[in-house]
Amino acid sequence: MKSIDELTKYFGFYKSNAELQSVLDKILIAPANYDNQTLYIVCRKSNLEIGFTNERMIRGTDNDKPIMGGRPIFTHFNIYPSSFNLFDNFIFGISFSDKFEGIREKAGTPTRSVDENIPIIGWKKLDSYDFEQIRITFNYNPIDNSVQSIQIVQKEKKIIETSNG
Protein backbone atom coordinates (compact mmCIF):
# COMPACT_ATOMS: atom_id res chain seq x y z
CA MET A 1 0.00 0.00 0.00
CA LYS A 2 1.28 3.41 -0.77
CA SER A 3 -0.47 5.39 1.98
CA ILE A 4 -3.21 5.29 4.59
CA ASP A 5 -5.50 6.94 2.02
CA GLU A 6 -5.85 3.57 0.32
CA LEU A 7 -7.75 2.41 3.41
CA THR A 8 -9.36 5.61 4.68
CA LYS A 9 -11.25 6.08 1.42
CA TYR A 10 -13.35 3.09 2.53
CA PHE A 11 -14.30 4.58 5.89
CA GLY A 12 -18.07 4.46 6.21
CA PHE A 13 -18.44 1.37 3.99
CA TYR A 14 -20.20 -1.75 5.15
CA LYS A 15 -17.88 -4.67 5.92
CA SER A 16 -19.77 -6.67 3.29
CA ASN A 17 -18.90 -4.20 0.49
CA ALA A 18 -17.19 -6.12 -2.33
CA GLU A 19 -14.66 -3.38 -3.06
CA LEU A 20 -13.63 -3.10 0.60
CA GLN A 21 -13.38 -6.89 0.85
CA SER A 22 -11.14 -6.97 -2.22
CA VAL A 23 -8.76 -4.43 -0.67
CA LEU A 24 -8.71 -6.28 2.65
CA ASP A 25 -8.03 -9.58 0.86
CA LYS A 26 -4.94 -7.98 -0.72
CA ILE A 27 -3.45 -6.48 2.45
CA LEU A 28 -4.41 -8.89 5.21
CA ILE A 29 -2.08 -11.87 5.36
CA ALA A 30 -3.61 -14.77 7.29
CA PRO A 31 -6.40 -12.68 8.83
CA ALA A 32 -8.40 -13.91 11.75
CA ASN A 33 -12.15 -14.11 11.20
CA TYR A 34 -14.16 -11.00 11.97
CA ASP A 35 -14.88 -10.91 15.70
CA ASN A 36 -18.36 -9.57 16.36
CA GLN A 37 -17.49 -9.06 20.05
CA THR A 38 -14.50 -6.77 19.50
CA LEU A 39 -15.57 -5.56 16.03
CA TYR A 40 -12.10 -6.22 14.57
CA ILE A 41 -10.36 -8.26 11.92
CA VAL A 42 -6.74 -8.81 12.95
CA CYS A 43 -4.00 -9.76 10.52
CA ARG A 44 -2.10 -12.58 12.22
CA LYS A 45 1.13 -11.89 10.30
CA SER A 46 1.40 -8.10 10.54
CA ASN A 47 -0.95 -7.31 13.46
CA LEU A 48 -2.74 -4.67 11.38
CA GLU A 49 -6.16 -4.30 13.02
CA ILE A 50 -9.16 -3.36 10.90
CA GLY A 51 -11.90 -1.91 13.11
CA PHE A 52 -15.60 -1.51 12.64
CA THR A 53 -18.41 0.33 14.38
CA ASN A 54 -21.87 -1.14 14.76
CA GLU A 55 -24.36 0.41 12.35
CA ARG A 56 -26.76 0.89 15.28
CA MET A 57 -24.25 3.08 17.10
CA ILE A 58 -23.75 5.29 14.04
CA ARG A 59 -27.48 5.63 13.37
CA GLY A 60 -28.25 6.10 17.07
CA THR A 61 -30.78 3.29 17.23
CA ASP A 62 -30.94 0.46 19.74
CA ASN A 63 -28.41 2.17 21.99
CA ASP A 64 -29.04 -0.50 24.60
CA LYS A 65 -27.20 -2.92 22.27
CA PRO A 66 -24.05 -0.95 21.39
CA ILE A 67 -21.95 -3.89 20.20
CA MET A 68 -24.15 -6.81 19.28
CA GLY A 69 -26.34 -6.68 16.19
CA GLY A 70 -26.39 -4.23 13.34
CA ARG A 71 -24.12 -4.33 10.34
CA PRO A 72 -20.44 -3.45 10.83
CA ILE A 73 -19.17 -0.24 9.23
CA PHE A 74 -15.42 0.24 8.59
CA THR A 75 -14.38 3.23 10.74
CA HIS A 76 -10.81 2.77 11.99
CA PHE A 77 -7.58 0.78 11.91
CA ASN A 78 -4.56 0.31 14.14
CA ILE A 79 -0.98 0.11 12.92
CA TYR A 80 1.82 -1.50 14.93
CA PRO A 81 5.57 -1.70 14.23
CA SER A 82 5.07 -5.09 12.56
CA SER A 83 2.38 -3.70 10.22
CA PHE A 84 4.03 -0.38 9.38
CA ASN A 85 5.90 -1.94 6.46
CA LEU A 86 2.54 -2.33 4.67
CA PHE A 87 2.71 1.40 3.92
CA ASP A 88 5.23 2.86 1.48
CA ASN A 89 5.02 6.29 3.07
CA PHE A 90 3.32 7.81 6.07
CA ILE A 91 2.07 11.32 6.74
CA PHE A 92 4.81 13.86 7.56
CA GLY A 93 7.45 11.17 6.91
CA ILE A 94 6.79 9.66 10.34
CA SER A 95 7.99 6.16 11.22
CA PHE A 96 7.98 3.92 14.27
CA SER A 97 11.62 4.81 14.87
CA ASP A 98 10.48 8.34 15.75
CA LYS A 99 9.97 9.13 19.42
CA PHE A 100 7.54 11.57 21.04
CA GLU A 101 9.72 14.64 20.33
CA GLY A 102 10.34 13.57 16.71
CA ILE A 103 6.63 13.12 16.02
CA ARG A 104 5.89 16.60 17.33
CA GLU A 105 8.80 18.04 15.38
CA LYS A 106 7.44 16.52 12.14
CA ALA A 107 3.68 16.85 12.75
CA GLY A 108 3.50 19.98 14.88
CA THR A 109 1.33 20.66 17.90
CA PRO A 110 -1.30 17.95 18.40
CA THR A 111 -5.01 18.72 18.44
CA ARG A 112 -5.31 16.74 21.67
CA SER A 113 -2.74 15.29 24.03
CA VAL A 114 -3.04 12.93 27.00
CA ASP A 115 -0.27 12.21 29.49
CA GLU A 116 -1.81 10.80 32.64
CA ASN A 117 -2.32 7.79 34.82
CA ILE A 118 -5.80 6.50 34.06
CA PRO A 119 -7.39 4.21 36.69
CA ILE A 120 -7.51 0.53 35.63
CA ILE A 121 -5.73 1.28 32.31
CA GLY A 122 -2.48 2.70 33.66
CA TRP A 123 -0.26 5.42 32.26
CA LYS A 124 -1.35 6.71 28.84
CA LYS A 125 0.59 9.06 26.65
CA LEU A 126 -1.19 9.98 23.40
CA ASP A 127 -1.07 12.69 20.75
CA SER A 128 -3.99 13.12 18.34
CA TYR A 129 -3.98 15.12 15.12
CA ASP A 130 -7.27 16.04 13.46
CA PHE A 131 -7.61 16.39 9.74
CA GLU A 132 -10.73 17.06 7.67
CA GLN A 133 -12.07 13.49 7.69
CA ILE A 134 -9.70 11.55 9.94
CA ARG A 135 -7.95 11.62 13.30
CA ILE A 136 -4.50 10.08 13.74
CA THR A 137 -3.52 9.13 17.28
CA PHE A 138 -0.03 8.14 18.35
CA ASN A 139 0.13 5.92 21.43
CA TYR A 140 3.53 6.31 23.12
CA ASN A 141 5.37 4.08 25.55
CA PRO A 142 5.41 6.29 28.66
CA ILE A 143 8.84 5.00 29.69
CA ASP A 144 10.94 5.61 26.57
CA ASN A 145 8.56 7.78 24.46
CA SER A 146 8.64 5.35 21.54
CA VAL A 147 5.55 4.90 19.38
CA GLN A 148 3.66 1.74 20.36
CA SER A 149 0.77 2.07 17.91
CA ILE A 150 -0.94 4.47 15.54
CA GLN A 151 -4.71 4.58 15.23
CA ILE A 152 -6.45 6.14 12.24
CA VAL A 153 -10.17 6.81 12.75
CA GLN A 154 -13.04 8.28 10.78
CA LYS A 155 -13.36 11.54 12.71
CA GLU A 156 -17.13 11.73 12.47
CA LYS A 157 -18.44 8.18 12.30
CA LYS A 158 -20.94 7.99 9.47
CA ILE A 159 -22.12 5.64 6.77
CA ILE A 160 -20.77 6.78 3.40
CA GLU A 161 -21.84 3.84 1.28
CA THR A 162 -25.21 4.45 -0.34
CA SER A 163 -26.03 0.88 -1.26
CA ASN A 164 -26.41 -2.10 1.04
CA GLY A 165 -22.95 -3.35 0.09
C-alpha atoms as a PDB file:
ATOM      1  CA  MET A   1       0.000   0.000   0.000  1.00  0.00           C
ATOM      2  CA  LYS A   2       1.278   3.409  -0.766  1.00  0.00           C
ATOM      3  CA  SER A   3      -0.470   5.387   1.975  1.00  0.00           C
ATOM      4  CA  ILE A   4      -3.212   5.289   4.592  1.00  0.00           C
ATOM      5  CA  ASP A   5      -5.499   6.945   2.019  1.00  0.00           C
ATOM      6  CA  GLU A   6      -5.849   3.571   0.322  1.00  0.00           C
ATOM      7  CA  LEU A   7      -7.754   2.410   3.409  1.00  0.00           C
ATOM      8  CA  THR A   8      -9.362   5.612   4.678  1.00  0.00           C
ATOM      9  CA  LYS A   9     -11.249   6.083   1.423  1.00  0.00           C
ATOM     10  CA  TYR A  10     -13.349   3.086   2.526  1.00  0.00           C
ATOM     11  CA  PHE A  11     -14.299   4.581   5.895  1.00  0.00           C
ATOM     12  CA  GLY A  12     -18.073   4.458   6.210  1.00  0.00           C
ATOM     13  CA  PHE A  13     -18.435   1.374   3.991  1.00  0.00           C
ATOM     14  CA  TYR A  14     -20.204  -1.754   5.148  1.00  0.00           C
ATOM     15  CA  LYS A  15     -17.881  -4.666   5.916  1.00  0.00           C
ATOM     16  CA  SER A  16     -19.768  -6.673   3.287  1.00  0.00           C
ATOM     17  CA  ASN A  17     -18.900  -4.205   0.495  1.00  0.00           C
ATOM     18  CA  ALA A  18     -17.192  -6.120  -2.331  1.00  0.00           C
ATOM     19  CA  GLU A  19     -14.660  -3.375  -3.063  1.00  0.00           C
ATOM     20  CA  LEU A  20     -13.630  -3.101   0.597  1.00  0.00           C
ATOM     21  CA  GLN A  21     -13.383  -6.889   0.848  1.00  0.00           C
ATOM     22  CA  SER A  22     -11.136  -6.975  -2.221  1.00  0.00           C
ATOM     23  CA  VAL A  23      -8.756  -4.430  -0.668  1.00  0.00           C
ATOM     24  CA  LEU A  24      -8.705  -6.282   2.655  1.00  0.00           C
ATOM     25  CA  ASP A  25      -8.030  -9.578   0.865  1.00  0.00           C
ATOM     26  CA  LYS A  26      -4.942  -7.983  -0.722  1.00  0.00           C
ATOM     27  CA  ILE A  27      -3.451  -6.477   2.445  1.00  0.00           C
ATOM     28  CA  LEU A  28      -4.414  -8.886   5.208  1.00  0.00           C
ATOM     29  CA  ILE A  29      -2.079 -11.872   5.360  1.00  0.00           C
ATOM     30  CA  ALA A  30      -3.606 -14.771   7.288  1.00  0.00           C
ATOM     31  CA  PRO A  31      -6.403 -12.681   8.827  1.00  0.00           C
ATOM     32  CA  ALA A  32      -8.403 -13.906  11.747  1.00  0.00           C
ATOM     33  CA  ASN A  33     -12.147 -14.115  11.205  1.00  0.00           C
ATOM     34  CA  TYR A  34     -14.157 -10.999  11.967  1.00  0.00           C
ATOM     35  CA  ASP A  35     -14.876 -10.914  15.702  1.00  0.00           C
ATOM     36  CA  ASN A  36     -18.364  -9.573  16.362  1.00  0.00           C
ATOM     37  CA  GLN A  37     -17.490  -9.061  20.052  1.00  0.00           C
ATOM     38  CA  THR A  38     -14.497  -6.767  19.502  1.00  0.00           C
ATOM     39  CA  LEU A  39     -15.567  -5.558  16.026  1.00  0.00           C
ATOM     40  CA  TYR A  40     -12.099  -6.217  14.575  1.00  0.00           C
ATOM     41  CA  ILE A  41     -10.359  -8.258  11.922  1.00  0.00           C
ATOM     42  CA  VAL A  42      -6.736  -8.807  12.953  1.00  0.00           C
ATOM     43  CA  CYS A  43      -4.001  -9.756  10.521  1.00  0.00           C
ATOM     44  CA  ARG A  44      -2.098 -12.578  12.217  1.00  0.00           C
ATOM     45  CA  LYS A  45       1.131 -11.889  10.301  1.00  0.00           C
ATOM     46  CA  SER A  46       1.402  -8.099  10.545  1.00  0.00           C
ATOM     47  CA  ASN A  47      -0.950  -7.307  13.464  1.00  0.00           C
ATOM     48  CA  LEU A  48      -2.745  -4.668  11.378  1.00  0.00           C
ATOM     49  CA  GLU A  49      -6.163  -4.302  13.023  1.00  0.00           C
ATOM     50  CA  ILE A  50      -9.156  -3.355  10.898  1.00  0.00           C
ATOM     51  CA  GLY A  51     -11.901  -1.913  13.107  1.00  0.00           C
ATOM     52  CA  PHE A  52     -15.604  -1.512  12.637  1.00  0.00           C
ATOM     53  CA  THR A  53     -18.412   0.327  14.380  1.00  0.00           C
ATOM     54  CA  ASN A  54     -21.867  -1.141  14.760  1.00  0.00           C
ATOM     55  CA  GLU A  55     -24.362   0.413  12.353  1.00  0.00           C
ATOM     56  CA  ARG A  56     -26.760   0.888  15.280  1.00  0.00           C
ATOM     57  CA  MET A  57     -24.248   3.084  17.103  1.00  0.00           C
ATOM     58  CA  ILE A  58     -23.752   5.294  14.043  1.00  0.00           C
ATOM     59  CA  ARG A  59     -27.480   5.634  13.366  1.00  0.00           C
ATOM     60  CA  GLY A  60     -28.247   6.103  17.073  1.00  0.00           C
ATOM     61  CA  THR A  61     -30.778   3.293  17.231  1.00  0.00           C
ATOM     62  CA  ASP A  62     -30.935   0.457  19.744  1.00  0.00           C
ATOM     63  CA  ASN A  63     -28.407   2.168  21.992  1.00  0.00           C
ATOM     64  CA  ASP A  64     -29.041  -0.504  24.604  1.00  0.00           C
ATOM     65  CA  LYS A  65     -27.204  -2.917  22.274  1.00  0.00           C
ATOM     66  CA  PRO A  66     -24.053  -0.953  21.391  1.00  0.00           C
ATOM     67  CA  ILE A  67     -21.951  -3.887  20.195  1.00  0.00           C
ATOM     68  CA  MET A  68     -24.146  -6.812  19.276  1.00  0.00           C
ATOM     69  CA  GLY A  69     -26.342  -6.676  16.192  1.00  0.00           C
ATOM     70  CA  GLY A  70     -26.393  -4.227  13.342  1.00  0.00           C
ATOM     71  CA  ARG A  71     -24.118  -4.333  10.345  1.00  0.00           C
ATOM     72  CA  PRO A  72     -20.437  -3.448  10.830  1.00  0.00           C
ATOM     73  CA  ILE A  73     -19.172  -0.244   9.233  1.00  0.00           C
ATOM     74  CA  PHE A  74     -15.421   0.240   8.591  1.00  0.00           C
ATOM     75  CA  THR A  75     -14.376   3.228  10.740  1.00  0.00           C
ATOM     76  CA  HIS A  76     -10.809   2.767  11.994  1.00  0.00           C
ATOM     77  CA  PHE A  77      -7.577   0.779  11.906  1.00  0.00           C
ATOM     78  CA  ASN A  78      -4.556   0.312  14.136  1.00  0.00           C
ATOM     79  CA  ILE A  79      -0.977   0.110  12.916  1.00  0.00           C
ATOM     80  CA  TYR A  80       1.823  -1.497  14.931  1.00  0.00           C
ATOM     81  CA  PRO A  81       5.568  -1.696  14.232  1.00  0.00           C
ATOM     82  CA  SER A  82       5.074  -5.089  12.560  1.00  0.00           C
ATOM     83  CA  SER A  83       2.384  -3.704  10.223  1.00  0.00           C
ATOM     84  CA  PHE A  84       4.027  -0.379   9.383  1.00  0.00           C
ATOM     85  CA  ASN A  85       5.901  -1.940   6.458  1.00  0.00           C
ATOM     86  CA  LEU A  86       2.538  -2.334   4.666  1.00  0.00           C
ATOM     87  CA  PHE A  87       2.709   1.401   3.923  1.00  0.00           C
ATOM     88  CA  ASP A  88       5.228   2.862   1.483  1.00  0.00           C
ATOM     89  CA  ASN A  89       5.019   6.285   3.075  1.00  0.00           C
ATOM     90  CA  PHE A  90       3.322   7.814   6.067  1.00  0.00           C
ATOM     91  CA  ILE A  91       2.074  11.315   6.745  1.00  0.00           C
ATOM     92  CA  PHE A  92       4.814  13.856   7.563  1.00  0.00           C
ATOM     93  CA  GLY A  93       7.451  11.165   6.913  1.00  0.00           C
ATOM     94  CA  ILE A  94       6.786   9.658  10.338  1.00  0.00           C
ATOM     95  CA  SER A  95       7.987   6.160  11.225  1.00  0.00           C
ATOM     96  CA  PHE A  96       7.980   3.920  14.273  1.00  0.00           C
ATOM     97  CA  SER A  97      11.619   4.809  14.870  1.00  0.00           C
ATOM     98  CA  ASP A  98      10.484   8.338  15.754  1.00  0.00           C
ATOM     99  CA  LYS A  99       9.971   9.126  19.415  1.00  0.00           C
ATOM    100  CA  PHE A 100       7.544  11.575  21.038  1.00  0.00           C
ATOM    101  CA  GLU A 101       9.717  14.640  20.332  1.00  0.00           C
ATOM    102  CA  GLY A 102      10.340  13.570  16.713  1.00  0.00           C
ATOM    103  CA  ILE A 103       6.627  13.121  16.021  1.00  0.00           C
ATOM    104  CA  ARG A 104       5.888  16.596  17.334  1.00  0.00           C
ATOM    105  CA  GLU A 105       8.800  18.043  15.384  1.00  0.00           C
ATOM    106  CA  LYS A 106       7.440  16.525  12.142  1.00  0.00           C
ATOM    107  CA  ALA A 107       3.679  16.847  12.752  1.00  0.00           C
ATOM    108  CA  GLY A 108       3.497  19.977  14.877  1.00  0.00           C
ATOM    109  CA  THR A 109       1.327  20.659  17.900  1.00  0.00           C
ATOM    110  CA  PRO A 110      -1.299  17.948  18.400  1.00  0.00           C
ATOM    111  CA  THR A 111      -5.007  18.724  18.440  1.00  0.00           C
ATOM    112  CA  ARG A 112      -5.308  16.741  21.666  1.00  0.00           C
ATOM    113  CA  SER A 113      -2.738  15.294  24.026  1.00  0.00           C
ATOM    114  CA  VAL A 114      -3.041  12.928  27.000  1.00  0.00           C
ATOM    115  CA  ASP A 115      -0.270  12.209  29.489  1.00  0.00           C
ATOM    116  CA  GLU A 116      -1.811  10.798  32.642  1.00  0.00           C
ATOM    117  CA  ASN A 117      -2.316   7.789  34.823  1.00  0.00           C
ATOM    118  CA  ILE A 118      -5.798   6.499  34.064  1.00  0.00           C
ATOM    119  CA  PRO A 119      -7.393   4.212  36.688  1.00  0.00           C
ATOM    120  CA  ILE A 120      -7.514   0.535  35.628  1.00  0.00           C
ATOM    121  CA  ILE A 121      -5.728   1.277  32.312  1.00  0.00           C
ATOM    122  CA  GLY A 122      -2.478   2.699  33.664  1.00  0.00           C
ATOM    123  CA  TRP A 123      -0.259   5.420  32.259  1.00  0.00           C
ATOM    124  CA  LYS A 124      -1.349   6.710  28.844  1.00  0.00           C
ATOM    125  CA  LYS A 125       0.590   9.057  26.647  1.00  0.00           C
ATOM    126  CA  LEU A 126      -1.195   9.976  23.402  1.00  0.00           C
ATOM    127  CA  ASP A 127      -1.069  12.688  20.748  1.00  0.00           C
ATOM    128  CA  SER A 128      -3.990  13.123  18.337  1.00  0.00           C
ATOM    129  CA  TYR A 129      -3.978  15.117  15.117  1.00  0.00           C
ATOM    130  CA  ASP A 130      -7.268  16.039  13.464  1.00  0.00           C
ATOM    131  CA  PHE A 131      -7.615  16.391   9.736  1.00  0.00           C
ATOM    132  CA  GLU A 132     -10.731  17.061   7.671  1.00  0.00           C
ATOM    133  CA  GLN A 133     -12.070  13.487   7.689  1.00  0.00           C
ATOM    134  CA  ILE A 134      -9.704  11.548   9.939  1.00  0.00           C
ATOM    135  CA  ARG A 135      -7.949  11.624  13.301  1.00  0.00           C
ATOM    136  CA  ILE A 136      -4.495  10.084  13.735  1.00  0.00           C
ATOM    137  CA  THR A 137      -3.524   9.132  17.281  1.00  0.00           C
ATOM    138  CA  PHE A 138      -0.027   8.143  18.348  1.00  0.00           C
ATOM    139  CA  ASN A 139       0.133   5.925  21.432  1.00  0.00           C
ATOM    140  CA  TYR A 140       3.533   6.313  23.121  1.00  0.00           C
ATOM    141  CA  ASN A 141       5.369   4.078  25.549  1.00  0.00           C
ATOM    142  CA  PRO A 142       5.412   6.295  28.665  1.00  0.00           C
ATOM    143  CA  ILE A 143       8.844   5.002  29.690  1.00  0.00           C
ATOM    144  CA  ASP A 144      10.941   5.608  26.569  1.00  0.00           C
ATOM    145  CA  ASN A 145       8.558   7.780  24.464  1.00  0.00           C
ATOM    146  CA  SER A 146       8.635   5.346  21.540  1.00  0.00           C
ATOM    147  CA  VAL A 147       5.549   4.901  19.377  1.00  0.00           C
ATOM    148  CA  GLN A 148       3.656   1.735  20.364  1.00  0.00           C
ATOM    149  CA  SER A 149       0.773   2.070  17.910  1.00  0.00           C
ATOM    150  CA  ILE A 150      -0.935   4.466  15.539  1.00  0.00           C
ATOM    151  CA  GLN A 151      -4.707   4.584  15.232  1.00  0.00           C
ATOM    152  CA  ILE A 152      -6.448   6.140  12.243  1.00  0.00           C
ATOM    153  CA  VAL A 153     -10.174   6.806  12.745  1.00  0.00           C
ATOM    154  CA  GLN A 154     -13.042   8.276  10.785  1.00  0.00           C
ATOM    155  CA  LYS A 155     -13.356  11.542  12.711  1.00  0.00           C
ATOM    156  CA  GLU A 156     -17.128  11.726  12.473  1.00  0.00           C
ATOM    157  CA  LYS A 157     -18.440   8.179  12.299  1.00  0.00           C
ATOM    158  CA  LYS A 158     -20.945   7.988   9.474  1.00  0.00           C
ATOM    159  CA  ILE A 159     -22.124   5.637   6.768  1.00  0.00           C
ATOM    160  CA  ILE A 160     -20.770   6.784   3.398  1.00  0.00           C
ATOM    161  CA  GLU A 161     -21.844   3.841   1.282  1.00  0.00           C
ATOM    162  CA  THR A 162     -25.213   4.450  -0.336  1.00  0.00           C
ATOM    163  CA  SER A 163     -26.034   0.877  -1.256  1.00  0.00           C
ATOM    164  CA  ASN A 164     -26.406  -2.102   1.045  1.00  0.00           C
ATOM    165  CA  GLY A 165     -22.951  -3.353   0.094  1.00  0.00           C
END
